[in-house]
Protein backbone atom coordinates (compact mmCIF):
# COMPACT_ATOMS: atom_id res chain seq x y z
CA UNK A 1 79.70 -13.80 62.61
CA UNK A 2 76.00 -14.17 61.91
CA UNK A 3 74.62 -17.44 60.45
CA UNK A 4 73.33 -17.06 56.81
CA UNK A 5 69.51 -17.87 56.48
CA UNK A 6 68.20 -18.75 53.16
CA UNK A 7 64.32 -18.73 52.57
CA UNK A 8 62.80 -20.71 49.94
CA UNK A 9 62.06 -18.99 46.65
CA UNK A 10 58.99 -20.41 44.44
CA UNK A 11 59.99 -21.92 41.32
CA UNK A 12 58.89 -19.70 38.51
CA UNK A 13 58.62 -22.53 36.03
CA UNK A 14 56.31 -24.69 38.16
CA UNK A 15 52.75 -24.74 37.35
CA UNK A 16 50.46 -24.00 40.18
CA UNK A 17 47.93 -26.95 40.39
CA UNK A 18 44.35 -25.82 40.80
CA UNK A 19 42.08 -27.93 43.05
CA UNK A 20 40.11 -30.78 41.31
CA UNK A 21 36.39 -29.68 40.88
CA UNK A 22 33.48 -31.99 42.06
CA UNK A 23 32.09 -34.13 39.28
CA UNK A 24 28.29 -34.07 39.74
CA UNK A 25 27.19 -37.14 38.20
CA UNK A 26 23.62 -38.13 36.99
CA UNK A 27 21.76 -41.15 38.52
CA UNK A 28 20.48 -42.23 35.36
CA UNK A 29 22.10 -45.18 33.27
CA UNK A 30 24.50 -44.01 30.78
CA UNK A 31 23.23 -43.45 27.41
CA UNK A 32 19.46 -43.71 28.55
CA UNK A 33 16.91 -42.44 26.14
CA UNK A 34 13.32 -41.86 26.98
CA UNK A 35 12.16 -40.78 23.58
CA UNK A 36 11.28 -42.65 20.31
CA UNK A 37 13.61 -45.52 19.30
CA UNK A 38 14.41 -43.74 16.00
CA UNK A 39 15.50 -40.52 18.03
CA UNK A 40 17.77 -42.42 20.36
CA UNK A 41 21.64 -41.63 20.25
CA UNK A 42 23.84 -44.00 18.16
CA UNK A 43 27.51 -44.58 18.78
CA UNK A 44 29.23 -45.01 15.51
CA UNK A 45 31.40 -47.80 15.21
CA UNK A 46 35.27 -47.47 14.43
CA UNK A 47 35.62 -49.76 11.47
CA UNK A 48 36.36 -48.10 8.11
CA UNK A 49 33.97 -48.14 5.26
CA UNK A 50 34.94 -50.75 2.59
CA UNK A 51 37.25 -49.21 -0.03
CA UNK A 52 38.61 -46.42 2.34
CA UNK A 53 42.11 -47.35 1.45
CA UNK A 54 41.68 -46.53 -2.16
CA UNK A 55 42.54 -42.93 -1.26
CA UNK A 56 45.62 -41.69 0.54
CA UNK A 57 44.62 -38.92 3.09
CA UNK A 58 48.32 -38.46 4.14
CA UNK A 59 49.47 -37.33 0.92
CA UNK A 60 46.30 -35.80 -0.59
CA UNK A 61 45.41 -33.72 2.33
CA UNK A 62 47.44 -34.03 5.35
CA UNK A 63 50.99 -33.21 3.90
CA UNK A 64 49.73 -30.52 1.56
CA UNK A 65 48.03 -28.61 4.45
CA UNK A 66 51.38 -28.68 6.22
CA UNK A 67 52.80 -26.27 3.65
CA UNK A 68 49.51 -24.07 3.42
CA UNK A 69 49.75 -20.77 5.31
CA UNK A 70 47.09 -20.08 7.97
CA UNK A 71 44.53 -17.62 7.00
CA UNK A 72 41.75 -15.35 8.58
CA UNK A 73 42.69 -12.68 11.28
CA UNK A 74 41.67 -11.89 14.89
CA UNK A 75 38.90 -9.46 14.95
CA UNK A 76 38.66 -6.47 17.32
CA UNK A 77 35.49 -7.77 19.45
CA UNK A 78 32.51 -5.40 18.99
CA UNK A 79 30.07 -7.23 21.46
CA UNK A 80 26.64 -5.86 20.88
CA UNK A 81 24.39 -4.43 24.07
CA UNK A 82 21.63 -6.93 24.13
CA UNK A 83 18.05 -6.11 25.47
CA UNK A 84 15.91 -8.76 27.22
CA UNK A 85 15.15 -11.64 25.10
CA UNK A 86 17.98 -11.14 22.60
CA UNK A 87 20.96 -13.43 21.99
CA UNK A 88 24.18 -12.37 21.02
CA UNK A 89 26.21 -15.02 18.85
CA UNK A 90 29.97 -14.75 18.08
CA UNK A 91 31.73 -17.47 16.06
CA UNK A 92 35.13 -18.24 17.14
CA UNK A 93 35.78 -20.87 14.50
CA UNK A 94 34.85 -24.43 14.00
CA UNK A 95 32.35 -25.52 16.75
CA UNK A 96 33.44 -22.59 19.05
CA UNK A 97 31.05 -20.06 20.00
CA UNK A 98 30.59 -17.24 22.41
CA UNK A 99 26.82 -16.92 23.22
CA UNK A 100 25.61 -13.82 25.11
CA UNK A 101 22.55 -12.66 26.80
CA UNK A 102 21.97 -9.56 28.58
CA UNK A 103 23.50 -11.18 31.93
CA UNK A 104 25.44 -14.07 30.99
CA UNK A 105 28.50 -15.27 28.83
CA UNK A 106 28.50 -18.91 27.70
CA UNK A 107 31.39 -20.54 25.68
CA UNK A 108 30.67 -23.70 23.73
CA UNK A 109 33.48 -26.26 22.64
CA UNK A 110 36.01 -23.42 23.14
CA UNK A 111 39.28 -24.48 21.07
CA UNK A 112 42.16 -21.92 20.37
CA UNK A 113 44.60 -25.04 19.47
CA UNK A 114 47.05 -24.13 16.47
CA UNK A 115 47.44 -28.13 16.06
CA UNK A 116 45.05 -30.88 16.86
CA UNK A 117 47.93 -33.49 17.07
CA UNK A 118 48.72 -33.78 13.40
CA UNK A 119 46.05 -31.71 11.99
CA UNK A 120 47.18 -27.95 11.47
CA UNK A 121 44.56 -25.29 12.18
CA UNK A 122 43.93 -23.58 8.83
CA UNK A 123 42.19 -20.71 9.85
CA UNK A 124 42.86 -18.30 12.75
CA UNK A 125 40.33 -18.00 15.73
CA UNK A 126 38.22 -14.99 15.11
CA UNK A 127 38.87 -13.78 18.85
CA UNK A 128 41.95 -14.03 20.95
CA UNK A 129 41.47 -15.37 24.30
CA UNK A 130 42.32 -12.18 26.17
CA UNK A 131 39.39 -10.40 24.31
CA UNK A 132 36.52 -12.66 25.80
CA UNK A 133 34.21 -11.20 28.37
CA UNK A 134 34.06 -12.86 31.67
CA UNK A 135 32.76 -16.37 31.05
CA UNK A 136 29.75 -17.55 33.36
CA UNK A 137 29.30 -21.11 32.10
CA UNK A 138 31.27 -23.40 29.62
CA UNK A 139 29.55 -26.26 27.65
CA UNK A 140 31.58 -29.16 26.03
CA UNK A 141 29.60 -31.49 23.56
CA UNK A 142 32.00 -34.41 23.53
CA UNK A 143 35.41 -35.56 24.11
CA UNK A 144 37.18 -35.25 20.62
CA UNK A 145 40.20 -33.15 20.79
CA UNK A 146 38.50 -30.47 18.04
CA UNK A 147 35.97 -29.99 20.67
CA UNK A 148 37.46 -30.45 23.88
CA UNK A 149 40.96 -28.85 23.98
CA UNK A 150 42.28 -29.04 27.53
CA UNK A 151 44.72 -26.06 27.15
CA UNK A 152 42.14 -23.76 25.88
CA UNK A 153 39.45 -24.84 28.78
CA UNK A 154 42.50 -24.43 31.31
CA UNK A 155 42.80 -20.62 30.28
CA UNK A 156 39.10 -20.21 30.11
CA UNK A 157 38.35 -21.85 33.52
CA UNK A 158 38.07 -19.08 36.29
CA UNK A 159 36.07 -20.90 39.00
CA UNK A 160 32.75 -21.24 36.97
CA UNK A 161 30.68 -24.49 36.18
CA UNK A 162 31.19 -26.66 33.14
CA UNK A 163 28.60 -28.94 31.73
CA UNK A 164 29.64 -32.01 29.70
CA UNK A 165 28.11 -35.32 28.72
CA UNK A 166 28.15 -38.47 30.89
CA UNK A 167 31.65 -39.96 31.52
CA UNK A 168 33.44 -36.84 30.22
CA UNK A 169 33.77 -34.87 33.79
CA UNK A 170 37.28 -36.77 34.63
CA UNK A 171 38.81 -34.82 31.45
CA UNK A 172 38.04 -31.24 32.60
CA UNK A 173 37.74 -31.62 36.56
CA UNK A 174 41.34 -30.51 37.10
CA UNK A 175 41.31 -27.45 34.87
CA UNK A 176 40.08 -24.83 37.29
CA UNK A 177 36.19 -24.81 37.04
CA UNK A 178 34.24 -24.69 40.22
CA UNK A 179 32.14 -27.62 39.49
CA UNK A 180 31.58 -30.09 36.60
CA UNK A 181 27.98 -31.20 35.80
CA UNK A 182 27.35 -34.45 33.85
CA UNK A 183 24.29 -34.80 31.89
CA UNK A 184 22.33 -37.81 30.39
CA UNK A 185 20.02 -37.37 27.40
CA UNK A 186 17.29 -35.11 27.95
CA UNK A 187 18.56 -34.10 31.42
CA UNK A 188 19.13 -30.55 32.02
CA UNK A 189 21.15 -28.21 34.27
CA UNK A 190 20.04 -24.81 35.60
CA UNK A 191 22.27 -21.86 35.94
CA UNK A 192 20.34 -18.81 37.08
CA UNK A 193 17.97 -18.17 34.13
CA UNK A 194 19.81 -20.45 31.94
CA UNK A 195 18.43 -24.15 31.29
CA UNK A 196 20.86 -26.47 29.55
CA UNK A 197 19.58 -29.80 28.11
CA UNK A 198 21.72 -32.64 26.56
CA UNK A 199 20.27 -33.97 23.26
CA UNK A 200 21.12 -37.23 21.43
CA UNK A 201 22.97 -37.39 18.14
CA UNK A 202 24.68 -40.17 15.84
CA UNK A 203 28.30 -39.97 16.58
CA UNK A 204 30.84 -41.44 19.10
CA UNK A 205 32.54 -40.07 22.24
CA UNK A 206 36.08 -41.82 22.54
CA UNK A 207 38.94 -39.61 22.80
CA UNK A 208 41.35 -42.61 22.78
CA UNK A 209 40.57 -46.05 21.79
CA UNK A 210 40.16 -47.37 25.25
CA UNK A 211 37.37 -44.97 26.28
CA UNK A 212 34.35 -45.50 23.99
CA UNK A 213 32.09 -45.18 27.27
CA UNK A 214 32.14 -41.57 27.05
CA UNK A 215 29.20 -39.67 26.16
CA UNK A 216 28.48 -37.47 23.32
CA UNK A 217 25.52 -35.13 22.22
CA UNK A 218 24.26 -31.40 21.64
CA UNK A 219 22.92 -28.78 23.87
CA UNK A 220 19.68 -26.74 23.99
CA UNK A 221 20.16 -23.55 25.59
CA UNK A 222 16.92 -21.83 26.97
CA UNK A 223 16.94 -18.36 28.34
CA UNK A 224 14.36 -15.71 28.37
CA UNK A 225 11.80 -17.43 26.21
CA UNK A 226 14.57 -17.86 23.66
CA UNK A 227 16.05 -21.29 22.48
CA UNK A 228 19.19 -21.95 21.08
CA UNK A 229 20.49 -25.51 19.69
CA UNK A 230 24.11 -26.28 19.34
CA UNK A 231 24.16 -29.63 17.66
CA UNK A 232 27.68 -30.82 18.52
CA UNK A 233 28.82 -33.31 15.86
CA UNK A 234 26.49 -36.00 14.31
CA UNK A 235 25.42 -37.79 11.29
CA UNK A 236 21.99 -37.06 10.22
CA UNK A 237 19.48 -39.00 11.99
CA UNK A 238 15.55 -39.23 12.67
CA UNK A 239 16.21 -37.70 16.23
CA UNK A 240 16.21 -34.04 14.89
CA UNK A 241 12.29 -34.32 14.50
CA UNK A 242 11.95 -35.18 18.13
CA UNK A 243 14.18 -32.53 19.14
CA UNK A 244 12.12 -29.90 17.11
CA UNK A 245 8.91 -31.33 18.69
CA UNK A 246 10.16 -30.95 22.27
CA UNK A 247 11.69 -27.38 21.68
CA UNK A 248 10.73 -24.36 19.71
CA UNK A 249 14.18 -23.55 18.34
CA UNK A 250 14.82 -20.01 17.37
CA UNK A 251 18.55 -20.64 16.12
CA UNK A 252 20.27 -24.06 15.26
CA UNK A 253 23.90 -24.22 15.06
CA UNK A 254 24.53 -27.28 12.57
CA UNK A 255 27.67 -28.80 11.26
CA UNK A 256 28.29 -28.88 7.67
CA UNK A 257 31.90 -29.93 7.27
CA UNK A 258 33.94 -33.11 7.51
CA UNK A 259 31.73 -35.23 5.64
CA UNK A 260 34.19 -37.11 3.54
CA UNK A 261 36.31 -38.59 6.18
CA UNK A 262 39.35 -40.72 5.22
CA UNK A 263 37.78 -43.70 7.04
CA UNK A 264 34.52 -43.35 5.14
CA UNK A 265 32.29 -43.61 8.02
CA UNK A 266 29.14 -41.67 8.39
CA UNK A 267 29.94 -39.28 11.25
CA UNK A 268 29.25 -35.91 9.96
CA UNK A 269 26.33 -34.46 8.01
CA UNK A 270 26.96 -32.94 4.39
CA UNK A 271 25.45 -29.61 3.72
CA UNK A 272 22.41 -31.14 2.19
CA UNK A 273 21.79 -33.19 5.22
CA UNK A 274 22.21 -30.25 7.40
CA UNK A 275 19.33 -28.26 5.64
CA UNK A 276 17.19 -31.57 5.93
CA UNK A 277 18.18 -31.46 9.67
CA UNK A 278 17.16 -27.68 9.67
CA UNK A 279 13.80 -28.38 8.24
CA UNK A 280 12.96 -31.27 10.63
CA UNK A 281 13.96 -29.12 13.55
CA UNK A 282 11.68 -26.29 12.51
CA UNK A 283 14.13 -23.88 13.74
CA UNK A 284 13.61 -20.33 12.69
CA UNK A 285 17.00 -19.65 11.56
CA UNK A 286 20.37 -21.75 10.99
CA UNK A 287 24.03 -20.85 11.52
CA UNK A 288 26.45 -23.47 9.97
CA UNK A 289 29.53 -24.35 11.82
CA UNK A 290 32.34 -27.07 11.93
CA UNK A 291 33.92 -26.30 8.61
CA UNK A 292 36.86 -24.14 7.23
CA UNK A 293 39.07 -24.41 10.26
CA UNK A 294 40.62 -28.13 10.37
CA UNK A 295 41.33 -30.21 7.39
CA UNK A 296 39.50 -33.39 8.91
CA UNK A 297 38.31 -34.81 5.54
CA UNK A 298 38.62 -34.84 1.84
CA UNK A 299 36.42 -32.14 0.94
CA UNK A 300 37.92 -28.56 0.11
CA UNK A 301 37.44 -26.03 3.05
CA UNK A 302 35.53 -23.67 0.86
CA UNK A 303 33.05 -26.31 -0.36
CA UNK A 304 30.51 -26.62 2.51
CA UNK A 305 29.04 -23.26 2.74
CA UNK A 306 28.48 -23.06 -1.14
CA UNK A 307 26.95 -26.49 -1.24
CA UNK A 308 24.75 -25.41 1.85
CA UNK A 309 23.48 -22.19 0.35
CA UNK A 310 22.72 -23.93 -3.04
CA UNK A 311 20.57 -26.65 -1.28
CA UNK A 312 18.87 -23.86 0.79
CA UNK A 313 17.90 -21.97 -2.30
CA UNK A 314 16.34 -25.15 -3.82
CA UNK A 315 14.41 -25.64 -0.63
CA UNK A 316 13.33 -21.95 -0.29
CA UNK A 317 14.92 -21.22 2.99
CA UNK A 318 18.19 -19.50 1.92
CA UNK A 319 16.91 -16.23 3.67
CA UNK A 320 16.96 -18.16 6.93
CA UNK A 321 20.47 -19.20 6.76
CA UNK A 322 23.03 -17.06 8.56
CA UNK A 323 26.77 -17.60 7.32
CA UNK A 324 28.99 -16.02 9.82
CA UNK A 325 32.69 -15.17 9.59
CA UNK A 326 34.93 -15.90 12.51
CA UNK A 327 35.10 -13.00 15.02
CA UNK A 328 31.74 -11.61 13.81
CA UNK A 329 28.79 -10.98 16.35
CA UNK A 330 25.02 -11.03 15.35
CA UNK A 331 22.05 -10.68 17.46
CA UNK A 332 19.01 -12.97 17.20
């Protein structure tokens, strides 16, 4: 009688581990700024503002949002055919954008999460992950959960590079990217015709309480004679003037929500400050972001764009504001 031979069978429930990407660090000192002192990055502390406990974020915002249905819908993509010198922009939601040129597709802060721990996503992403074109490069502005979602990044990763601020690389190096490039302020990374520069801001980069050493910032994206600025997260600061002096910005993606946080800290711009930043930058057009997706602060989800447009009209720049809807593509 012959001997039975059993061959090993792969465990279908075991996740296949992707090799860790090399983290290419800068030789510059962490947080080094070579511009004017007023334009340097500032780390916002974790101490709440006096009187923050007089309101109850749990009962006023967080619990009610759990019972609100998600709204919005996934849009069937209609990506534009671009000519040389044109930039295609699709808002996915919150701070997530698909940026397209004739030859390249970039993702900034991709996040398809339905939950940020206890924070419910209140509006569906405008695009589904499987509708994305092939992505050539990924940018992440900082390590906060609403900007760096490891699950989304793992699904996006397809052996392409990813660019992050200093000391953020070890959060993304094991997700399937070819290489991880850490930048310091005003340092740039080149990918073919693309030039990516990290800019300072006023925010903070800790993902947990113990890792406040992580960097944070925005990105200047230059290609084909055009310049786009994704601000990341920031409070208003004088550095917008220097960013505008260094770069002739065609389109500025600026945050306008989460300006009434439960701690009362000055960590995000309100709509009026975003208009001021837009004017400081001297950008040709502004696209608002970072609102309407997650209830991260007390203001109603619908309030930021209404305040933005009212302020823009007062300053005579309403015709230069492009308010997008999730899943919508525009050409600049």
